[in-house]
């Protein structure tokens, strides 16, 4: 069991793996199963946008509403854009509310 699990592409996985995060790069066929396993075992589940798009209808939203584990979709590294909701959520999780 890992406290933090990333389901994403290799670009996201490389850096987070070096930081000790359990990383998985699921295929389209295994993404939903990997997500279910991560939600059942981790305290924080991170998904990149490509994996989030593979989730069955409503699965991601239900997991995010459950609040345990915390499930976050990471900003896109290839075309970064400000994501105010992500920043606010991370600040709240870290206790750095501004």
PDB file of N, CA and C in Angstrom:
ATOM      1  N   UNK A   1       0.845  -1.174   0.000  1.00  0.00           N
ATOM      2  CA  UNK A   1       0.000   0.000   0.000  1.00  0.00           C
ATOM      3  C   UNK A   1       0.890   1.238   0.000  1.00  0.00           C
ATOM      4  N   UNK A   2       0.499   2.225  -0.772  1.00  0.00           N
ATOM      5  CA  UNK A   2       1.230   3.478  -0.846  1.00  0.00           C
ATOM      6  C   UNK A   2       0.308   4.602  -0.394  1.00  0.00           C
ATOM      7  N   UNK A   3       0.895   5.599   0.253  1.00  0.00           N
ATOM      8  CA  UNK A   3       0.091   6.740   0.664  1.00  0.00           C
ATOM      9  C   UNK A   3      -0.377   7.542  -0.535  1.00  0.00           C
ATOM     10  N   UNK A   4       0.494   7.644  -1.571  1.00  0.00           N
ATOM     11  CA  UNK A   4       0.180   8.430  -2.759  1.00  0.00           C
ATOM     12  C   UNK A   4       0.375   7.551  -3.991  1.00  0.00           C
ATOM     13  N   UNK A   5      -0.594   7.595  -4.887  1.00  0.00           N
ATOM     14  CA  UNK A   5      -0.504   6.851  -6.143  1.00  0.00           C
ATOM     15  C   UNK A   5      -0.779   7.815  -7.288  1.00  0.00           C
ATOM     16  N   UNK A   6       0.066   7.759  -8.299  1.00  0.00           N
ATOM     17  CA  UNK A   6      -0.142   8.524  -9.531  1.00  0.00           C
ATOM     18  C   UNK A   6      -0.530   7.566 -10.637  1.00  0.00           C
ATOM     19  N   UNK A   7      -1.608   7.881 -11.330  1.00  0.00           N
ATOM     20  CA  UNK A   7      -1.983   7.181 -12.552  1.00  0.00           C
ATOM     21  C   UNK A   7      -1.815   8.203 -13.667  1.00  0.00           C
ATOM     22  N   UNK A   8      -0.793   8.004 -14.490  1.00  0.00           N
ATOM     23  CA  UNK A   8      -0.541   9.006 -15.505  1.00  0.00           C
ATOM     24  C   UNK A   8       0.437   8.542 -16.558  1.00  0.00           C
ATOM     25  N   UNK A   9       0.842   9.502 -17.379  1.00  0.00           N
ATOM     26  CA  UNK A   9       1.788   9.199 -18.433  1.00  0.00           C
ATOM     27  C   UNK A   9       3.209   9.165 -17.873  1.00  0.00           C
ATOM     28  N   UNK A  10       4.142   8.759 -18.717  1.00  0.00           N
ATOM     29  CA  UNK A  10       5.526   8.616 -18.273  1.00  0.00           C
ATOM     30  C   UNK A  10       6.136   9.942 -17.846  1.00  0.00           C
ATOM     31  N   UNK A  11       5.736  11.038 -18.458  1.00  0.00           N
ATOM     32  CA  UNK A  11       6.277  12.343 -18.104  1.00  0.00           C
ATOM     33  C   UNK A  11       5.935  12.717 -16.665  1.00  0.00           C
ATOM     34  N   UNK A  12       4.684  12.507 -16.274  1.00  0.00           N
ATOM     35  CA  UNK A  12       4.288  12.756 -14.885  1.00  0.00           C
ATOM     36  C   UNK A  12       4.974  11.759 -13.950  1.00  0.00           C
ATOM     37  N   UNK A  13       5.047  10.511 -14.378  1.00  0.00           N
ATOM     38  CA  UNK A  13       5.538   9.441 -13.504  1.00  0.00           C
ATOM     39  C   UNK A  13       7.009   9.577 -13.155  1.00  0.00           C
ATOM     40  N   UNK A  14       7.835  10.039 -14.071  1.00  0.00           N
ATOM     41  CA  UNK A  14       9.280  10.083 -13.830  1.00  0.00           C
ATOM     42  C   UNK A  14       9.620  10.904 -12.593  1.00  0.00           C
ATOM     43  N   UNK A  15       9.185  12.134 -12.553  1.00  0.00           N
ATOM     44  CA  UNK A  15       9.531  13.005 -11.433  1.00  0.00           C
ATOM     45  C   UNK A  15       8.912  12.552 -10.127  1.00  0.00           C
ATOM     46  N   UNK A  16       7.657  12.144 -10.170  1.00  0.00           N
ATOM     47  CA  UNK A  16       6.990  11.737  -8.935  1.00  0.00           C
ATOM     48  C   UNK A  16       7.542  10.421  -8.401  1.00  0.00           C
ATOM     49  N   UNK A  17       7.957   9.540  -9.285  1.00  0.00           N
ATOM     50  CA  UNK A  17       8.570   8.285  -8.844  1.00  0.00           C
ATOM     51  C   UNK A  17       9.857   8.566  -8.069  1.00  0.00           C
ATOM     52  N   UNK A  18      10.640   9.528  -8.547  1.00  0.00           N
ATOM     53  CA  UNK A  18      11.873   9.908  -7.852  1.00  0.00           C
ATOM     54  C   UNK A  18      11.593  10.476  -6.463  1.00  0.00           C
ATOM     55  N   UNK A  19      10.405  11.026  -6.285  1.00  0.00           N
ATOM     56  CA  UNK A  19      10.013  11.579  -4.990  1.00  0.00           C
ATOM     57  C   UNK A  19       9.372  10.524  -4.084  1.00  0.00           C
ATOM     58  N   UNK A  20       9.335   9.274  -4.530  1.00  0.00           N
ATOM     59  CA  UNK A  20       8.809   8.198  -3.698  1.00  0.00           C
ATOM     60  C   UNK A  20       7.343   7.890  -3.893  1.00  0.00           C
ATOM     61  N   UNK A  21       6.722   8.481  -4.892  1.00  0.00           N
ATOM     62  CA  UNK A  21       5.307   8.228  -5.165  1.00  0.00           C
ATOM     63  C   UNK A  21       5.176   6.948  -5.985  1.00  0.00           C
ATOM     64  N   UNK A  22       4.210   6.121  -5.633  1.00  0.00           N
ATOM     65  CA  UNK A  22       3.921   4.927  -6.431  1.00  0.00           C
ATOM     66  C   UNK A  22       3.295   5.393  -7.732  1.00  0.00           C
ATOM     67  N   UNK A  23       3.887   5.023  -8.849  1.00  0.00           N
ATOM     68  CA  UNK A  23       3.395   5.483 -10.146  1.00  0.00           C
ATOM     69  C   UNK A  23       2.978   4.314 -11.016  1.00  0.00           C
ATOM     70  N   UNK A  24       1.911   4.538 -11.773  1.00  0.00           N
ATOM     71  CA  UNK A  24       1.434   3.550 -12.731  1.00  0.00           C
ATOM     72  C   UNK A  24       1.070   4.271 -14.009  1.00  0.00           C
ATOM     73  N   UNK A  25       1.374   3.667 -15.120  1.00  0.00           N
ATOM     74  CA  UNK A  25       1.038   4.222 -16.440  1.00  0.00           C
ATOM     75  C   UNK A  25       0.067   3.253 -17.108  1.00  0.00           C
ATOM     76  N   UNK A  26      -1.218   3.332 -16.739  1.00  0.00           N
ATOM     77  CA  UNK A  26      -2.182   2.361 -17.249  1.00  0.00           C
ATOM     78  C   UNK A  26      -2.520   2.573 -18.719  1.00  0.00           C
ATOM     79  N   UNK A  27      -2.868   1.486 -19.366  1.00  0.00           N
ATOM     80  CA  UNK A  27      -3.376   1.563 -20.736  1.00  0.00           C
ATOM     81  C   UNK A  27      -4.863   1.898 -20.664  1.00  0.00           C
ATOM     82  N   UNK A  28      -5.450   2.199 -21.789  1.00  0.00           N
ATOM     83  CA  UNK A  28      -6.887   2.480 -21.825  1.00  0.00           C
ATOM     84  C   UNK A  28      -7.690   1.291 -21.306  1.00  0.00           C
ATOM     85  N   UNK A  29      -7.198   0.087 -21.559  1.00  0.00           N
ATOM     86  CA  UNK A  29      -7.913  -1.120 -21.140  1.00  0.00           C
ATOM     87  C   UNK A  29      -7.839  -1.358 -19.634  1.00  0.00           C
ATOM     88  N   UNK A  30      -6.784  -0.887 -18.978  1.00  0.00           N
ATOM     89  CA  UNK A  30      -6.610  -1.168 -17.552  1.00  0.00           C
ATOM     90  C   UNK A  30      -6.825   0.041 -16.652  1.00  0.00           C
ATOM     91  N   UNK A  31      -7.086   1.210 -17.228  1.00  0.00           N
ATOM     92  CA  UNK A  31      -7.170   2.445 -16.436  1.00  0.00           C
ATOM     93  C   UNK A  31      -8.247   2.384 -15.354  1.00  0.00           C
ATOM     94  N   UNK A  32      -9.429   1.922 -15.673  1.00  0.00           N
ATOM     95  CA  UNK A  32     -10.520   1.875 -14.683  1.00  0.00           C
ATOM     96  C   UNK A  32     -10.185   0.919 -13.543  1.00  0.00           C
ATOM     97  N   UNK A  33      -9.600  -0.218 -13.854  1.00  0.00           N
ATOM     98  CA  UNK A  33      -9.219  -1.185 -12.824  1.00  0.00           C
ATOM     99  C   UNK A  33      -8.111  -0.614 -11.938  1.00  0.00           C
ATOM    100  N   UNK A  34      -7.114   0.016 -12.534  1.00  0.00           N
ATOM    101  CA  UNK A  34      -6.024   0.631 -11.773  1.00  0.00           C
ATOM    102  C   UNK A  34      -6.561   1.739 -10.868  1.00  0.00           C
ATOM    103  N   UNK A  35      -7.519   2.512 -11.380  1.00  0.00           N
ATOM    104  CA  UNK A  35      -8.123   3.587 -10.597  1.00  0.00           C
ATOM    105  C   UNK A  35      -8.856   3.013  -9.384  1.00  0.00           C
ATOM    106  N   UNK A  36      -9.650   1.997  -9.590  1.00  0.00           N
ATOM    107  CA  UNK A  36     -10.388   1.376  -8.489  1.00  0.00           C
ATOM    108  C   UNK A  36      -9.431   0.841  -7.424  1.00  0.00           C
ATOM    109  N   UNK A  37      -8.340   0.228  -7.856  1.00  0.00           N
ATOM    110  CA  UNK A  37      -7.353  -0.297  -6.909  1.00  0.00           C
ATOM    111  C   UNK A  37      -6.689   0.849  -6.140  1.00  0.00           C
ATOM    112  N   UNK A  38      -6.337   1.926  -6.831  1.00  0.00           N
ATOM    113  CA  UNK A  38      -5.694   3.064  -6.177  1.00  0.00           C
ATOM    114  C   UNK A  38      -6.627   3.701  -5.149  1.00  0.00           C
ATOM    115  N   UNK A  39      -7.888   3.876  -5.505  1.00  0.00           N
ATOM    116  CA  UNK A  39      -8.861   4.477  -4.592  1.00  0.00           C
ATOM    117  C   UNK A  39      -9.055   3.595  -3.357  1.00  0.00           C
ATOM    118  N   UNK A  40      -8.958   2.295  -3.527  1.00  0.00           N
ATOM    119  CA  UNK A  40      -9.153   1.367  -2.401  1.00  0.00           C
ATOM    120  C   UNK A  40      -7.951   1.303  -1.467  1.00  0.00           C
ATOM    121  N   UNK A  41      -6.761   1.701  -1.942  1.00  0.00           N
ATOM    122  CA  UNK A  41      -5.566   1.487  -1.132  1.00  0.00           C
ATOM    123  C   UNK A  41      -4.788   2.743  -0.749  1.00  0.00           C
ATOM    124  N   UNK A  42      -4.947   3.826  -1.465  1.00  0.00           N
ATOM    125  CA  UNK A  42      -4.114   5.012  -1.230  1.00  0.00           C
ATOM    126  C   UNK A  42      -4.860   6.081  -0.433  1.00  0.00           C
ATOM    127  N   UNK A  43      -4.092   7.022   0.086  1.00  0.00           N
ATOM    128  CA  UNK A  43      -4.671   8.169   0.774  1.00  0.00           C
ATOM    129  C   UNK A  43      -4.828   9.362  -0.164  1.00  0.00           C
ATOM    130  N   UNK A  44      -4.007   9.390  -1.228  1.00  0.00           N
ATOM    131  CA  UNK A  44      -4.063  10.440  -2.231  1.00  0.00           C
ATOM    132  C   UNK A  44      -3.869   9.798  -3.598  1.00  0.00           C
ATOM    133  N   UNK A  45      -4.806  10.047  -4.505  1.00  0.00           N
ATOM    134  CA  UNK A  45      -4.723   9.506  -5.864  1.00  0.00           C
ATOM    135  C   UNK A  45      -4.621  10.682  -6.826  1.00  0.00           C
ATOM    136  N   UNK A  46      -3.544  10.688  -7.606  1.00  0.00           N
ATOM    137  CA  UNK A  46      -3.317  11.727  -8.602  1.00  0.00           C
ATOM    138  C   UNK A  46      -3.503  11.121  -9.987  1.00  0.00           C
ATOM    139  N   UNK A  47      -4.217  11.823 -10.856  1.00  0.00           N
ATOM    140  CA  UNK A  47      -4.408  11.369 -12.232  1.00  0.00           C
ATOM    141  C   UNK A  47      -3.987  12.485 -13.168  1.00  0.00           C
ATOM    142  N   UNK A  48      -3.363  12.124 -14.282  1.00  0.00           N
ATOM    143  CA  UNK A  48      -3.168  13.147 -15.295  1.00  0.00           C
ATOM    144  C   UNK A  48      -4.454  13.221 -16.117  1.00  0.00           C
ATOM    145  N   UNK A  49      -4.566  14.259 -16.917  1.00  0.00           N
ATOM    146  CA  UNK A  49      -5.818  14.481 -17.653  1.00  0.00           C
ATOM    147  C   UNK A  49      -6.153  13.354 -18.630  1.00  0.00           C
ATOM    148  N   UNK A  50      -5.126  12.733 -19.209  1.00  0.00           N
ATOM    149  CA  UNK A  50      -5.399  11.662 -20.175  1.00  0.00           C
ATOM    150  C   UNK A  50      -6.001  10.445 -19.486  1.00  0.00           C
ATOM    151  N   UNK A  51      -5.529  10.112 -18.299  1.00  0.00           N
ATOM    152  CA  UNK A  51      -6.090   8.976 -17.558  1.00  0.00           C
ATOM    153  C   UNK A  51      -7.468   9.349 -17.016  1.00  0.00           C
ATOM    154  N   UNK A  52      -7.626  10.567 -16.539  1.00  0.00           N
ATOM    155  CA  UNK A  52      -8.935  11.002 -16.037  1.00  0.00           C
ATOM    156  C   UNK A  52     -10.006  10.881 -17.120  1.00  0.00           C
ATOM    157  N   UNK A  53      -9.621  11.154 -18.356  1.00  0.00           N
ATOM    158  CA  UNK A  53     -10.573  11.068 -19.467  1.00  0.00           C
ATOM    159  C   UNK A  53     -11.003   9.628 -19.758  1.00  0.00           C
ATOM    160  N   UNK A  54     -10.225   8.649 -19.295  1.00  0.00           N
ATOM    161  CA  UNK A  54     -10.545   7.242 -19.530  1.00  0.00           C
ATOM    162  C   UNK A  54     -11.487   6.650 -18.476  1.00  0.00           C
ATOM    163  N   UNK A  55     -11.774   7.398 -17.429  1.00  0.00           N
ATOM    164  CA  UNK A  55     -12.605   6.866 -16.354  1.00  0.00           C
ATOM    165  C   UNK A  55     -14.050   6.695 -16.817  1.00  0.00           C
ATOM    166  N   UNK A  56     -14.694   5.631 -16.342  1.00  0.00           N
ATOM    167  CA  UNK A  56     -16.103   5.421 -16.698  1.00  0.00           C
ATOM    168  C   UNK A  56     -16.959   6.604 -16.243  1.00  0.00           C
ATOM    169  N   UNK A  57     -18.041   6.820 -16.931  1.00  0.00           N
ATOM    170  CA  UNK A  57     -18.961   7.919 -16.633  1.00  0.00           C
ATOM    171  C   UNK A  57     -19.267   7.987 -15.132  1.00  0.00           C
ATOM    172  N   UNK A  58     -18.953   9.103 -14.516  1.00  0.00           N
ATOM    173  CA  UNK A  58     -19.294   9.342 -13.116  1.00  0.00           C
ATOM    174  C   UNK A  58     -18.324   8.783 -12.093  1.00  0.00           C
ATOM    175  N   UNK A  59     -17.431   7.888 -12.470  1.00  0.00           N
ATOM    176  CA  UNK A  59     -16.526   7.267 -11.493  1.00  0.00           C
ATOM    177  C   UNK A  59     -15.597   8.281 -10.845  1.00  0.00           C
ATOM    178  N   UNK A  60     -15.025   9.155 -11.642  1.00  0.00           N
ATOM    179  CA  UNK A  60     -14.116  10.160 -11.105  1.00  0.00           C
ATOM    180  C   UNK A  60     -14.859  11.124 -10.183  1.00  0.00           C
ATOM    181  N   UNK A  61     -16.025  11.568 -10.600  1.00  0.00           N
ATOM    182  CA  UNK A  61     -16.797  12.501  -9.786  1.00  0.00           C
ATOM    183  C   UNK A  61     -17.211  11.876  -8.450  1.00  0.00           C
ATOM    184  N   UNK A  62     -17.624  10.621  -8.461  1.00  0.00           N
ATOM    185  CA  UNK A  62     -17.999   9.947  -7.210  1.00  0.00           C
ATOM    186  C   UNK A  62     -16.802   9.839  -6.276  1.00  0.00           C
ATOM    187  N   UNK A  63     -15.647   9.499  -6.825  1.00  0.00           N
ATOM    188  CA  UNK A  63     -14.441   9.375  -6.004  1.00  0.00           C
ATOM    189  C   UNK A  63     -14.043  10.721  -5.420  1.00  0.00           C
ATOM    190  N   UNK A  64     -14.167  11.788  -6.191  1.00  0.00           N
ATOM    191  CA  UNK A  64     -13.807  13.108  -5.691  1.00  0.00           C
ATOM    192  C   UNK A  64     -14.785  13.590  -4.623  1.00  0.00           C
ATOM    193  N   UNK A  65     -16.046  13.263  -4.760  1.00  0.00           N
ATOM    194  CA  UNK A  65     -17.032  13.659  -3.749  1.00  0.00           C
ATOM    195  C   UNK A  65     -16.842  12.894  -2.447  1.00  0.00           C
ATOM    196  N   UNK A  66     -16.298  11.693  -2.517  1.00  0.00           N
ATOM    197  CA  UNK A  66     -16.122  10.868  -1.317  1.00  0.00           C
ATOM    198  C   UNK A  66     -15.119  11.497  -0.357  1.00  0.00           C
ATOM    199  N   UNK A  67     -14.178  12.266  -0.862  1.00  0.00           N
ATOM    200  CA  UNK A  67     -13.162  12.960  -0.077  1.00  0.00           C
ATOM    201  C   UNK A  67     -12.167  12.033   0.635  1.00  0.00           C
ATOM    202  N   UNK A  68     -12.340  10.749   0.561  1.00  0.00           N
ATOM    203  CA  UNK A  68     -11.359   9.818   1.129  1.00  0.00           C
ATOM    204  C   UNK A  68     -11.312   8.600   0.238  1.00  0.00           C
ATOM    205  N   UNK A  69     -10.246   8.391  -0.448  1.00  0.00           N
ATOM    206  CA  UNK A  69      -9.046   9.215  -0.470  1.00  0.00           C
ATOM    207  C   UNK A  69      -9.279  10.484  -1.289  1.00  0.00           C
ATOM    208  N   UNK A  70      -8.378  11.415  -1.128  1.00  0.00           N
ATOM    209  CA  UNK A  70      -8.419  12.618  -1.942  1.00  0.00           C
ATOM    210  C   UNK A  70      -8.005  12.239  -3.363  1.00  0.00           C
ATOM    211  N   UNK A  71      -8.796  12.647  -4.351  1.00  0.00           N
ATOM    212  CA  UNK A  71      -8.529  12.323  -5.756  1.00  0.00           C
ATOM    213  C   UNK A  71      -8.404  13.641  -6.517  1.00  0.00           C
ATOM    214  N   UNK A  72      -7.239  13.856  -7.139  1.00  0.00           N
ATOM    215  CA  UNK A  72      -6.975  15.097  -7.863  1.00  0.00           C
ATOM    216  C   UNK A  72      -6.550  14.805  -9.292  1.00  0.00           C
ATOM    217  N   UNK A  73      -6.976  15.660 -10.209  1.00  0.00           N
ATOM    218  CA  UNK A  73      -6.536  15.590 -11.599  1.00  0.00           C
ATOM    219  C   UNK A  73      -5.464  16.665 -11.768  1.00  0.00           C
ATOM    220  N   UNK A  74      -4.282  16.248 -12.219  1.00  0.00           N
ATOM    221  CA  UNK A  74      -3.151  17.153 -12.369  1.00  0.00           C
ATOM    222  C   UNK A  74      -3.277  18.015 -13.619  1.00  0.00           C
ATOM    223  N   UNK A  75      -2.704  19.207 -13.575  1.00  0.00           N
ATOM    224  CA  UNK A  75      -2.674  20.042 -14.784  1.00  0.00           C
ATOM    225  C   UNK A  75      -1.841  19.373 -15.868  1.00  0.00           C
ATOM    226  N   UNK A  76      -2.119  19.711 -17.094  1.00  0.00           N
ATOM    227  CA  UNK A  76      -1.410  19.148 -18.233  1.00  0.00           C
ATOM    228  C   UNK A  76      -0.004  19.728 -18.319  1.00  0.00           C
ATOM    229  N   UNK A  77       1.018  18.881 -18.361  1.00  0.00           N
ATOM    230  CA  UNK A  77       2.400  19.351 -18.455  1.00  0.00           C
ATOM    231  C   UNK A  77       2.759  19.814 -19.853  1.00  0.00           C
ATOM    232  N   UNK A  78       2.145  19.234 -20.868  1.00  0.00           N
ATOM    233  CA  UNK A  78       2.480  19.568 -22.254  1.00  0.00           C
ATOM    234  C   UNK A  78       1.984  20.960 -22.634  1.00  0.00           C
ATOM    235  N   UNK A  79       0.848  21.361 -22.119  1.00  0.00           N
ATOM    236  CA  UNK A  79       0.288  22.684 -22.422  1.00  0.00           C
ATOM    237  C   UNK A  79      -0.247  23.283 -21.131  1.00  0.00           C
ATOM    238  N   UNK A  80       0.671  23.685 -20.239  1.00  0.00           N
ATOM    239  CA  UNK A  80       0.212  24.177 -18.936  1.00  0.00           C
ATOM    240  C   UNK A  80      -0.636  25.432 -19.065  1.00  0.00           C
ATOM    241  N   UNK A  81      -1.644  25.487 -18.254  1.00  0.00           N
ATOM    242  CA  UNK A  81      -2.509  26.658 -18.174  1.00  0.00           C
ATOM    243  C   UNK A  81      -2.881  26.830 -16.707  1.00  0.00           C
ATOM    244  N   UNK A  82      -3.081  28.050 -16.278  1.00  0.00           N
ATOM    245  CA  UNK A  82      -3.455  28.258 -14.880  1.00  0.00           C
ATOM    246  C   UNK A  82      -4.716  27.456 -14.534  1.00  0.00           C
ATOM    247  N   UNK A  83      -4.670  26.773 -13.440  1.00  0.00           N
ATOM    248  CA  UNK A  83      -5.810  25.980 -12.974  1.00  0.00           C
ATOM    249  C   UNK A  83      -6.102  26.398 -11.544  1.00  0.00           C
ATOM    250  N   UNK A  84      -6.909  27.427 -11.394  1.00  0.00           N
ATOM    251  CA  UNK A  84      -7.203  27.992 -10.083  1.00  0.00           C
ATOM    252  C   UNK A  84      -7.836  27.005  -9.127  1.00  0.00           C
ATOM    253  N   UNK A  85      -8.706  26.148  -9.617  1.00  0.00           N
ATOM    254  CA  UNK A  85      -9.360  25.165  -8.742  1.00  0.00           C
ATOM    255  C   UNK A  85      -8.340  24.195  -8.170  1.00  0.00           C
ATOM    256  N   UNK A  86      -7.391  23.763  -8.987  1.00  0.00           N
ATOM    257  CA  UNK A  86      -6.353  22.843  -8.516  1.00  0.00           C
ATOM    258  C   UNK A  86      -5.501  23.521  -7.448  1.00  0.00           C
ATOM    259  N   UNK A  87      -5.117  24.760  -7.681  1.00  0.00           N
ATOM    260  CA  UNK A  87      -4.291  25.491  -6.718  1.00  0.00           C
ATOM    261  C   UNK A  87      -5.036  25.661  -5.404  1.00  0.00           C
ATOM    262  N   UNK A  88      -6.293  26.044  -5.465  1.00  0.00           N
ATOM    263  CA  UNK A  88      -7.080  26.204  -4.228  1.00  0.00           C
ATOM    264  C   UNK A  88      -7.214  24.895  -3.470  1.00  0.00           C
ATOM    265  N   UNK A  89      -7.447  23.802  -4.199  1.00  0.00           N
ATOM    266  CA  UNK A  89      -7.621  22.512  -3.550  1.00  0.00           C
ATOM    267  C   UNK A  89      -6.314  22.054  -2.895  1.00  0.00           C
ATOM    268  N   UNK A  90      -5.188  22.237  -3.576  1.00  0.00           N
ATOM    269  CA  UNK A  90      -3.905  21.840  -2.996  1.00  0.00           C
ATOM    270  C   UNK A  90      -3.571  22.695  -1.776  1.00  0.00           C
ATOM    271  N   UNK A  91      -3.850  23.979  -1.816  1.00  0.00           N
ATOM    272  CA  UNK A  91      -3.609  24.840  -0.652  1.00  0.00           C
ATOM    273  C   UNK A  91      -4.465  24.402   0.525  1.00  0.00           C
ATOM    274  N   UNK A  92      -5.703  24.050   0.262  1.00  0.00           N
ATOM    275  CA  UNK A  92      -6.589  23.596   1.341  1.00  0.00           C
ATOM    276  C   UNK A  92      -6.069  22.294   1.938  1.00  0.00           C
ATOM    277  N   UNK A  93      -5.626  21.372   1.091  1.00  0.00           N
ATOM    278  CA  UNK A  93      -5.101  20.093   1.572  1.00  0.00           C
ATOM    279  C   UNK A  93      -3.861  20.310   2.424  1.00  0.00           C
ATOM    280  N   UNK A  94      -3.011  21.228   1.992  1.00  0.00           N
ATOM    281  CA  UNK A  94      -1.749  21.484   2.695  1.00  0.00           C
ATOM    282  C   UNK A  94      -1.930  22.445   3.869  1.00  0.00           C
ATOM    283  N   UNK A  95      -3.120  23.004   4.016  1.00  0.00           N
ATOM    284  CA  UNK A  95      -3.369  23.927   5.110  1.00  0.00           C
ATOM    285  C   UNK A  95      -2.774  25.299   4.887  1.00  0.00           C
ATOM    286  N   UNK A  96      -2.644  25.708   3.633  1.00  0.00           N
ATOM    287  CA  UNK A  96      -2.048  26.999   3.293  1.00  0.00           C
ATOM    288  C   UNK A  96      -3.112  27.869   2.633  1.00  0.00           C
ATOM    289  N   UNK A  97      -4.276  27.933   3.215  1.00  0.00           N
ATOM    290  CA  UNK A  97      -5.347  28.708   2.593  1.00  0.00           C
ATOM    291  C   UNK A  97      -5.002  30.187   2.651  1.00  0.00           C
ATOM    292  N   UNK A  98      -5.188  30.846   1.513  1.00  0.00           N
ATOM    293  CA  UNK A  98      -4.878  32.284   1.449  1.00  0.00           C
ATOM    294  C   UNK A  98      -6.138  33.101   1.380  1.00  0.00           C
TER     295      UNK A  98
END
